[in-house]
């Protein structure tokens, strides 16, 4: 059971690192105004997933540290990653990476927008960068869901090995 838990922990760590990296990249790409709250939350979920994976990895080798605390941390990490994935999926609903109009009007992708006195809207990023940011945001969403699954797997493995 420890081997399965170790594999789940490795996946949890990998997916969380990817979530953190993609989220920070999206946040740093905000050219006008501050980054959307969704992006900051996604970065938090990635960082928390890394902490949970490292804590759980230590628990694989130190039996006294495996138990309720790691289960609680894994539970919170899994819920945080699930919530982040849902928030990104909802925010990206209706967005098609090849469609400049939907990407231009999406808060996660456009890098910040402004309007002039005539009501014309301008956004920070153009077509090529919007497509790249869209693909990154979709990947971030997918990795948050994968991180959630890995956290649940690690939680179950830890729980079952701790009950023996």
N, C-alpha and C. Protein backbone atom coordinates (compact mmCIF):
# COMPACT_ATOMS: atom_id res chain seq x y z
N UNK A 1 0.82 -1.20 0.00
CA UNK A 1 0.00 0.00 0.00
C UNK A 1 0.86 1.27 0.00
N UNK A 2 2.04 1.18 0.64
CA UNK A 2 2.92 2.35 0.69
C UNK A 2 3.43 2.73 -0.69
N UNK A 3 3.62 1.75 -1.56
CA UNK A 3 4.09 2.04 -2.91
C UNK A 3 3.02 2.82 -3.68
N UNK A 4 1.78 2.40 -3.54
CA UNK A 4 0.68 3.11 -4.21
C UNK A 4 0.55 4.52 -3.66
N UNK A 5 0.68 4.66 -2.34
CA UNK A 5 0.61 5.98 -1.72
C UNK A 5 1.77 6.85 -2.20
N UNK A 6 2.96 6.26 -2.32
CA UNK A 6 4.12 7.02 -2.79
C UNK A 6 3.92 7.50 -4.23
N UNK A 7 3.33 6.67 -5.06
CA UNK A 7 3.04 7.06 -6.45
C UNK A 7 2.02 8.21 -6.47
N UNK A 8 0.99 8.09 -5.62
CA UNK A 8 -0.01 9.16 -5.53
C UNK A 8 0.62 10.45 -5.04
N UNK A 9 1.54 10.33 -4.07
CA UNK A 9 2.24 11.53 -3.55
C UNK A 9 3.09 12.18 -4.65
N UNK A 10 3.77 11.36 -5.44
CA UNK A 10 4.59 11.90 -6.53
C UNK A 10 3.72 12.63 -7.55
N UNK A 11 2.58 12.02 -7.88
CA UNK A 11 1.65 12.66 -8.82
C UNK A 11 1.10 13.95 -8.22
N UNK A 12 0.77 13.91 -6.93
CA UNK A 12 0.26 15.09 -6.23
C UNK A 12 1.29 16.22 -6.29
N UNK A 13 2.53 15.90 -6.04
CA UNK A 13 3.60 16.90 -6.07
C UNK A 13 3.78 17.46 -7.48
N UNK A 14 3.85 16.58 -8.47
CA UNK A 14 4.05 17.01 -9.85
C UNK A 14 2.90 17.90 -10.32
N UNK A 15 1.67 17.47 -10.11
CA UNK A 15 0.51 18.24 -10.56
C UNK A 15 0.44 19.59 -9.85
N UNK A 16 0.77 19.60 -8.57
CA UNK A 16 0.73 20.86 -7.81
C UNK A 16 1.80 21.83 -8.28
N UNK A 17 2.97 21.31 -8.61
CA UNK A 17 4.04 22.17 -9.15
C UNK A 17 3.59 22.79 -10.47
N UNK A 18 2.96 21.99 -11.33
CA UNK A 18 2.48 22.50 -12.61
C UNK A 18 1.41 23.57 -12.39
N UNK A 19 0.47 23.32 -11.46
CA UNK A 19 -0.58 24.31 -11.15
C UNK A 19 0.04 25.61 -10.68
N UNK A 20 0.99 25.52 -9.76
CA UNK A 20 1.63 26.73 -9.24
C UNK A 20 2.35 27.49 -10.37
N UNK A 21 3.10 26.76 -11.18
CA UNK A 21 3.84 27.41 -12.28
C UNK A 21 2.93 28.07 -13.30
N UNK A 22 1.89 27.37 -13.72
CA UNK A 22 0.97 27.95 -14.70
C UNK A 22 0.22 29.15 -14.12
N UNK A 23 -0.19 29.04 -12.88
CA UNK A 23 -0.95 30.12 -12.24
C UNK A 23 -0.09 31.37 -12.07
N UNK A 24 1.14 31.19 -11.64
CA UNK A 24 2.04 32.33 -11.48
C UNK A 24 2.34 32.97 -12.84
N UNK A 25 2.52 32.16 -13.85
CA UNK A 25 2.75 32.68 -15.20
C UNK A 25 1.56 33.50 -15.69
N UNK A 26 0.35 32.99 -15.45
CA UNK A 26 -0.85 33.75 -15.83
C UNK A 26 -0.93 35.06 -15.05
N UNK A 27 -0.63 35.01 -13.76
CA UNK A 27 -0.69 36.22 -12.93
C UNK A 27 0.36 37.24 -13.37
N UNK A 28 1.56 36.77 -13.68
CA UNK A 28 2.62 37.69 -14.11
C UNK A 28 2.31 38.31 -15.47
N UNK A 29 1.45 37.67 -16.24
CA UNK A 29 1.06 38.19 -17.55
C UNK A 29 0.00 39.26 -17.48
N UNK A 30 -0.42 39.60 -16.28
CA UNK A 30 -1.42 40.66 -16.12
C UNK A 30 -0.73 41.99 -16.37
N UNK A 31 -1.08 42.66 -17.45
CA UNK A 31 -0.40 43.89 -17.81
C UNK A 31 -1.08 45.15 -17.32
N UNK A 32 -2.37 45.09 -17.10
CA UNK A 32 -3.13 46.28 -16.69
C UNK A 32 -4.01 45.90 -15.51
N UNK A 33 -3.85 46.61 -14.42
CA UNK A 33 -4.62 46.28 -13.22
C UNK A 33 -4.00 45.10 -12.50
N UNK A 34 -4.70 44.63 -11.50
CA UNK A 34 -4.18 43.49 -10.74
C UNK A 34 -4.71 42.18 -11.32
N UNK A 35 -4.00 41.11 -11.02
CA UNK A 35 -4.39 39.79 -11.52
C UNK A 35 -5.74 39.40 -10.92
N UNK A 36 -6.55 38.65 -11.67
CA UNK A 36 -7.84 38.22 -11.14
C UNK A 36 -7.68 37.35 -9.89
N UNK A 37 -8.66 37.40 -9.02
CA UNK A 37 -8.62 36.61 -7.78
C UNK A 37 -8.52 35.12 -8.09
N UNK A 38 -9.13 34.68 -9.18
CA UNK A 38 -9.08 33.27 -9.54
C UNK A 38 -7.65 32.79 -9.76
N UNK A 39 -6.84 33.64 -10.36
CA UNK A 39 -5.45 33.28 -10.63
C UNK A 39 -4.66 33.18 -9.33
N UNK A 40 -4.87 34.12 -8.43
CA UNK A 40 -4.20 34.07 -7.13
C UNK A 40 -4.61 32.84 -6.33
N UNK A 41 -5.90 32.51 -6.39
CA UNK A 41 -6.38 31.33 -5.68
C UNK A 41 -5.77 30.06 -6.27
N UNK A 42 -5.66 30.01 -7.59
CA UNK A 42 -5.07 28.84 -8.24
C UNK A 42 -3.61 28.67 -7.82
N UNK A 43 -2.88 29.78 -7.71
CA UNK A 43 -1.49 29.70 -7.25
C UNK A 43 -1.45 29.18 -5.82
N UNK A 44 -2.37 29.64 -4.98
CA UNK A 44 -2.45 29.14 -3.60
C UNK A 44 -2.70 27.64 -3.58
N UNK A 45 -3.62 27.15 -4.42
CA UNK A 45 -3.92 25.72 -4.41
C UNK A 45 -2.70 24.90 -4.82
N UNK A 46 -1.94 25.41 -5.79
CA UNK A 46 -0.72 24.72 -6.20
C UNK A 46 0.29 24.66 -5.07
N UNK A 47 0.49 25.79 -4.39
CA UNK A 47 1.44 25.83 -3.27
C UNK A 47 0.98 24.94 -2.13
N UNK A 48 -0.31 24.97 -1.83
CA UNK A 48 -0.82 24.13 -0.74
C UNK A 48 -0.72 22.65 -1.10
N UNK A 49 -0.94 22.33 -2.37
CA UNK A 49 -0.79 20.94 -2.83
C UNK A 49 0.65 20.46 -2.69
N UNK A 50 1.61 21.34 -2.95
CA UNK A 50 3.03 21.00 -2.77
C UNK A 50 3.31 20.72 -1.30
N UNK A 51 2.83 21.58 -0.42
CA UNK A 51 3.03 21.38 1.02
C UNK A 51 2.41 20.07 1.47
N UNK A 52 1.21 19.78 1.01
CA UNK A 52 0.54 18.53 1.38
C UNK A 52 1.32 17.32 0.88
N UNK A 53 1.84 17.40 -0.34
CA UNK A 53 2.60 16.29 -0.90
C UNK A 53 3.90 16.07 -0.13
N UNK A 54 4.58 17.15 0.23
CA UNK A 54 5.84 17.02 0.98
C UNK A 54 5.58 16.49 2.39
N UNK A 55 4.55 17.00 3.04
CA UNK A 55 4.19 16.50 4.37
C UNK A 55 3.81 15.02 4.31
N UNK A 56 3.04 14.67 3.31
CA UNK A 56 2.65 13.26 3.14
C UNK A 56 3.83 12.37 2.79
N UNK A 57 4.79 12.90 2.05
CA UNK A 57 5.99 12.12 1.71
C UNK A 57 6.82 11.84 2.95
N UNK A 58 6.93 12.82 3.83
CA UNK A 58 7.64 12.61 5.10
C UNK A 58 6.91 11.53 5.90
N UNK A 59 5.59 11.57 5.88
CA UNK A 59 4.80 10.60 6.64
C UNK A 59 4.98 9.17 6.13
N UNK A 60 5.41 9.02 4.88
CA UNK A 60 5.67 7.68 4.37
C UNK A 60 6.84 7.01 5.09
N UNK A 61 7.78 7.84 5.57
CA UNK A 61 8.98 7.31 6.19
C UNK A 61 8.99 7.44 7.71
N UNK A 62 8.18 8.32 8.23
CA UNK A 62 8.10 8.53 9.68
C UNK A 62 6.67 8.19 10.10
N UNK A 63 6.51 6.99 10.62
CA UNK A 63 5.17 6.49 10.94
C UNK A 63 4.40 7.39 11.90
N UNK A 64 5.08 8.04 12.83
CA UNK A 64 4.39 8.86 13.81
C UNK A 64 3.74 10.09 13.18
N UNK A 65 4.26 10.53 12.04
CA UNK A 65 3.68 11.72 11.41
C UNK A 65 2.52 11.38 10.48
N UNK A 66 2.29 10.09 10.23
CA UNK A 66 1.16 9.68 9.39
C UNK A 66 -0.07 9.55 10.27
N UNK A 67 -1.14 10.11 9.84
CA UNK A 67 -2.36 10.01 10.63
C UNK A 67 -3.30 11.16 10.35
N UNK A 68 -3.99 11.57 11.39
CA UNK A 68 -5.06 12.55 11.26
C UNK A 68 -4.58 13.85 10.62
N UNK A 69 -3.39 14.30 10.99
CA UNK A 69 -2.89 15.57 10.45
C UNK A 69 -2.70 15.47 8.93
N UNK A 70 -2.05 14.43 8.47
CA UNK A 70 -1.86 14.29 7.02
C UNK A 70 -3.19 14.08 6.31
N UNK A 71 -4.10 13.37 6.94
CA UNK A 71 -5.42 13.18 6.33
C UNK A 71 -6.15 14.51 6.21
N UNK A 72 -6.05 15.32 7.25
CA UNK A 72 -6.70 16.63 7.24
C UNK A 72 -6.08 17.53 6.17
N UNK A 73 -4.76 17.56 6.11
CA UNK A 73 -4.07 18.40 5.11
C UNK A 73 -4.41 17.92 3.69
N UNK A 74 -4.42 16.60 3.48
CA UNK A 74 -4.79 16.08 2.16
C UNK A 74 -6.24 16.41 1.81
N UNK A 75 -7.12 16.32 2.80
CA UNK A 75 -8.52 16.66 2.57
C UNK A 75 -8.69 18.11 2.17
N UNK A 76 -8.02 19.01 2.88
CA UNK A 76 -8.10 20.44 2.56
C UNK A 76 -7.47 20.71 1.19
N UNK A 77 -6.33 20.09 0.91
CA UNK A 77 -5.67 20.28 -0.39
C UNK A 77 -6.56 19.78 -1.52
N UNK A 78 -7.19 18.63 -1.33
CA UNK A 78 -8.05 18.10 -2.39
C UNK A 78 -9.25 19.02 -2.63
N UNK A 79 -9.86 19.52 -1.56
CA UNK A 79 -10.99 20.43 -1.72
C UNK A 79 -10.56 21.75 -2.37
N UNK A 80 -9.39 22.25 -1.98
CA UNK A 80 -8.88 23.49 -2.57
C UNK A 80 -8.62 23.32 -4.06
N UNK A 81 -8.00 22.21 -4.45
CA UNK A 81 -7.72 21.96 -5.86
C UNK A 81 -9.02 21.77 -6.65
N UNK A 82 -9.97 21.06 -6.06
CA UNK A 82 -11.26 20.87 -6.73
C UNK A 82 -11.96 22.21 -6.93
N UNK A 83 -11.99 23.03 -5.88
CA UNK A 83 -12.63 24.35 -5.98
C UNK A 83 -11.93 25.21 -7.03
N UNK A 84 -10.61 25.18 -7.05
CA UNK A 84 -9.87 25.95 -8.05
C UNK A 84 -10.17 25.49 -9.46
N UNK A 85 -10.22 24.18 -9.66
CA UNK A 85 -10.55 23.65 -10.97
C UNK A 85 -11.95 24.06 -11.42
N UNK A 86 -12.89 24.01 -10.48
CA UNK A 86 -14.26 24.41 -10.80
C UNK A 86 -14.33 25.90 -11.13
N UNK A 87 -13.65 26.72 -10.33
CA UNK A 87 -13.66 28.18 -10.57
C UNK A 87 -13.07 28.49 -11.95
N UNK A 88 -11.96 27.86 -12.29
CA UNK A 88 -11.36 28.10 -13.61
C UNK A 88 -12.28 27.60 -14.72
N UNK A 89 -12.87 26.42 -14.53
CA UNK A 89 -13.76 25.88 -15.56
C UNK A 89 -14.96 26.79 -15.78
N UNK A 90 -15.52 27.30 -14.70
CA UNK A 90 -16.66 28.21 -14.83
C UNK A 90 -16.24 29.52 -15.50
N UNK A 91 -15.09 30.05 -15.11
CA UNK A 91 -14.60 31.31 -15.70
C UNK A 91 -14.27 31.14 -17.18
N UNK A 92 -13.82 29.96 -17.56
CA UNK A 92 -13.47 29.70 -18.96
C UNK A 92 -14.64 29.16 -19.78
N UNK A 93 -15.82 29.04 -19.15
CA UNK A 93 -16.99 28.49 -19.86
C UNK A 93 -17.29 29.35 -21.09
N UNK A 94 -17.46 28.70 -22.21
CA UNK A 94 -17.77 29.40 -23.45
C UNK A 94 -16.57 29.97 -24.18
N UNK A 95 -15.39 29.83 -23.60
CA UNK A 95 -14.17 30.34 -24.23
C UNK A 95 -13.60 29.26 -25.15
N UNK A 96 -13.30 29.65 -26.37
CA UNK A 96 -12.63 28.76 -27.32
C UNK A 96 -11.30 29.42 -27.67
N UNK A 97 -10.22 28.70 -27.48
CA UNK A 97 -8.89 29.29 -27.65
C UNK A 97 -8.65 29.84 -29.04
N UNK A 98 -9.33 29.31 -30.04
CA UNK A 98 -9.16 29.80 -31.40
C UNK A 98 -10.04 31.01 -31.72
N UNK A 99 -10.93 31.36 -30.81
CA UNK A 99 -11.86 32.47 -31.03
C UNK A 99 -11.37 33.71 -30.30
N UNK A 100 -10.89 34.67 -31.08
CA UNK A 100 -10.31 35.88 -30.49
C UNK A 100 -11.32 36.66 -29.64
N UNK A 101 -12.57 36.67 -30.02
CA UNK A 101 -13.58 37.43 -29.28
C UNK A 101 -13.78 36.87 -27.87
N UNK A 102 -13.91 35.55 -27.75
CA UNK A 102 -14.16 34.98 -26.41
C UNK A 102 -12.92 35.08 -25.52
N UNK A 103 -11.74 34.96 -26.11
CA UNK A 103 -10.53 35.09 -25.29
C UNK A 103 -10.29 36.55 -24.90
N UNK A 104 -10.59 37.47 -25.80
CA UNK A 104 -10.40 38.90 -25.54
C UNK A 104 -11.27 39.37 -24.37
N UNK A 105 -12.44 38.79 -24.22
CA UNK A 105 -13.38 39.21 -23.19
C UNK A 105 -13.30 38.38 -21.92
N UNK A 106 -12.30 37.53 -21.79
CA UNK A 106 -12.18 36.70 -20.59
C UNK A 106 -11.15 37.29 -19.63
N UNK A 107 -11.56 37.47 -18.39
CA UNK A 107 -10.73 38.14 -17.38
C UNK A 107 -9.44 37.37 -17.07
N UNK A 108 -9.45 36.05 -17.20
CA UNK A 108 -8.24 35.26 -16.93
C UNK A 108 -7.20 35.42 -18.03
N UNK A 109 -7.64 35.77 -19.21
CA UNK A 109 -6.77 35.70 -20.38
C UNK A 109 -6.30 37.04 -20.92
N UNK A 110 -7.12 38.08 -20.82
CA UNK A 110 -6.84 39.31 -21.56
C UNK A 110 -5.77 40.21 -20.95
N UNK A 111 -5.32 39.94 -19.75
CA UNK A 111 -4.25 40.74 -19.16
C UNK A 111 -4.68 42.09 -18.63
N UNK A 112 -5.97 42.30 -18.55
CA UNK A 112 -6.50 43.57 -18.06
C UNK A 112 -7.01 44.43 -19.20
N UNK A 113 -8.13 45.08 -18.99
CA UNK A 113 -8.75 45.90 -20.03
C UNK A 113 -9.06 47.30 -19.52
N UNK A 114 -9.29 48.21 -20.44
CA UNK A 114 -9.66 49.58 -20.13
C UNK A 114 -10.61 50.07 -21.22
N UNK A 115 -11.34 51.11 -20.90
CA UNK A 115 -12.24 51.74 -21.87
C UNK A 115 -11.89 53.22 -21.97
N UNK A 116 -12.01 53.76 -23.19
CA UNK A 116 -11.76 55.19 -23.34
C UNK A 116 -13.10 55.95 -23.26
N UNK A 117 -13.05 57.24 -23.46
CA UNK A 117 -14.24 58.09 -23.34
C UNK A 117 -15.29 57.80 -24.41
N UNK A 118 -14.87 57.22 -25.53
CA UNK A 118 -15.81 56.89 -26.60
C UNK A 118 -16.44 55.51 -26.40
N UNK A 119 -16.06 54.82 -25.34
CA UNK A 119 -16.60 53.49 -25.07
C UNK A 119 -15.85 52.37 -25.75
N UNK A 120 -14.74 52.69 -26.39
CA UNK A 120 -13.93 51.65 -27.02
C UNK A 120 -13.13 50.92 -25.95
N UNK A 121 -13.06 49.61 -26.09
CA UNK A 121 -12.38 48.77 -25.10
C UNK A 121 -11.03 48.33 -25.65
N UNK A 122 -10.03 48.37 -24.80
CA UNK A 122 -8.72 47.86 -25.16
C UNK A 122 -8.25 46.88 -24.09
N UNK A 123 -7.54 45.86 -24.50
CA UNK A 123 -7.00 44.89 -23.55
C UNK A 123 -5.51 44.73 -23.79
N UNK A 124 -4.84 44.23 -22.80
CA UNK A 124 -3.38 44.17 -22.79
C UNK A 124 -2.83 43.25 -23.88
N UNK A 125 -3.42 42.08 -24.06
CA UNK A 125 -2.85 41.09 -24.97
C UNK A 125 -3.58 41.02 -26.30
N UNK A 126 -2.81 40.69 -27.34
CA UNK A 126 -3.36 40.50 -28.68
C UNK A 126 -3.64 39.03 -28.96
N UNK A 127 -3.98 38.75 -30.19
CA UNK A 127 -4.47 37.44 -30.60
C UNK A 127 -3.51 36.29 -30.27
N UNK A 128 -2.24 36.42 -30.62
CA UNK A 128 -1.30 35.32 -30.41
C UNK A 128 -1.11 35.01 -28.93
N UNK A 129 -0.93 36.04 -28.14
CA UNK A 129 -0.73 35.83 -26.71
C UNK A 129 -2.01 35.34 -26.04
N UNK A 130 -3.16 35.80 -26.51
CA UNK A 130 -4.44 35.33 -25.96
C UNK A 130 -4.59 33.83 -26.15
N UNK A 131 -4.22 33.34 -27.32
CA UNK A 131 -4.30 31.89 -27.57
C UNK A 131 -3.39 31.12 -26.63
N UNK A 132 -2.17 31.60 -26.46
CA UNK A 132 -1.22 30.94 -25.57
C UNK A 132 -1.72 30.95 -24.12
N UNK A 133 -2.24 32.09 -23.68
CA UNK A 133 -2.76 32.19 -22.32
C UNK A 133 -3.99 31.30 -22.13
N UNK A 134 -4.79 31.18 -23.17
CA UNK A 134 -5.98 30.33 -23.10
C UNK A 134 -5.58 28.86 -22.93
N UNK A 135 -4.61 28.42 -23.71
CA UNK A 135 -4.13 27.04 -23.59
C UNK A 135 -3.54 26.81 -22.19
N UNK A 136 -2.80 27.78 -21.68
CA UNK A 136 -2.23 27.66 -20.33
C UNK A 136 -3.32 27.59 -19.28
N UNK A 137 -4.35 28.40 -19.41
CA UNK A 137 -5.45 28.39 -18.44
C UNK A 137 -6.22 27.08 -18.49
N UNK A 138 -6.42 26.54 -19.69
CA UNK A 138 -7.09 25.24 -19.80
C UNK A 138 -6.23 24.14 -19.18
N UNK A 139 -4.92 24.19 -19.40
CA UNK A 139 -4.02 23.21 -18.80
C UNK A 139 -4.03 23.35 -17.28
N UNK A 140 -4.03 24.57 -16.79
CA UNK A 140 -4.09 24.82 -15.35
C UNK A 140 -5.34 24.19 -14.75
N UNK A 141 -6.47 24.37 -15.43
CA UNK A 141 -7.73 23.77 -14.99
C UNK A 141 -7.61 22.25 -14.91
N UNK A 142 -7.09 21.66 -15.96
CA UNK A 142 -6.95 20.20 -16.00
C UNK A 142 -6.03 19.70 -14.89
N UNK A 143 -4.92 20.39 -14.66
CA UNK A 143 -3.99 19.95 -13.63
C UNK A 143 -4.54 20.15 -12.22
N UNK A 144 -5.43 21.12 -12.03
CA UNK A 144 -6.07 21.24 -10.72
C UNK A 144 -6.97 20.03 -10.48
N UNK A 145 -7.70 19.60 -11.50
CA UNK A 145 -8.54 18.41 -11.34
C UNK A 145 -7.69 17.16 -11.15
N UNK A 146 -6.59 17.05 -11.88
CA UNK A 146 -5.68 15.91 -11.70
C UNK A 146 -5.05 15.94 -10.31
N UNK A 147 -4.70 17.12 -9.83
CA UNK A 147 -4.17 17.26 -8.47
C UNK A 147 -5.19 16.82 -7.44
N UNK A 148 -6.45 17.16 -7.65
CA UNK A 148 -7.52 16.72 -6.77
C UNK A 148 -7.58 15.20 -6.71
N UNK A 149 -7.54 14.56 -7.87
CA UNK A 149 -7.59 13.09 -7.92
C UNK A 149 -6.37 12.49 -7.21
N UNK A 150 -5.19 13.06 -7.44
CA UNK A 150 -3.98 12.56 -6.78
C UNK A 150 -4.07 12.73 -5.27
N UNK A 151 -4.60 13.85 -4.81
CA UNK A 151 -4.77 14.08 -3.36
C UNK A 151 -5.71 13.05 -2.75
N UNK A 152 -6.81 12.78 -3.44
CA UNK A 152 -7.75 11.77 -2.95
C UNK A 152 -7.08 10.40 -2.92
N UNK A 153 -6.31 10.07 -3.96
CA UNK A 153 -5.59 8.80 -3.97
C UNK A 153 -4.59 8.70 -2.84
N UNK A 154 -3.86 9.78 -2.59
CA UNK A 154 -2.89 9.79 -1.49
C UNK A 154 -3.60 9.69 -0.15
N UNK A 155 -4.72 10.36 -0.02
CA UNK A 155 -5.51 10.31 1.22
C UNK A 155 -6.01 8.91 1.49
N UNK A 156 -6.55 8.27 0.49
CA UNK A 156 -7.05 6.90 0.65
C UNK A 156 -5.91 5.95 0.98
N UNK A 157 -4.80 6.07 0.25
CA UNK A 157 -3.65 5.21 0.52
C UNK A 157 -3.10 5.40 1.92
N UNK A 158 -3.00 6.64 2.34
CA UNK A 158 -2.51 6.94 3.69
C UNK A 158 -3.47 6.41 4.75
N UNK A 159 -4.74 6.59 4.51
CA UNK A 159 -5.75 6.12 5.47
C UNK A 159 -5.72 4.60 5.60
N UNK A 160 -5.66 3.91 4.46
CA UNK A 160 -5.66 2.45 4.49
C UNK A 160 -4.38 1.89 5.10
N UNK A 161 -3.24 2.50 4.81
CA UNK A 161 -1.99 2.00 5.40
C UNK A 161 -1.90 2.35 6.88
N UNK A 162 -2.53 3.44 7.29
CA UNK A 162 -2.53 3.83 8.70
C UNK A 162 -3.45 2.99 9.55
N UNK A 163 -4.43 2.35 8.94
CA UNK A 163 -5.40 1.54 9.67
C UNK A 163 -4.88 0.14 9.94
N UNK A 164 -3.76 -0.22 9.34
CA UNK A 164 -3.24 -1.58 9.51
C UNK A 164 -2.40 -1.72 10.72
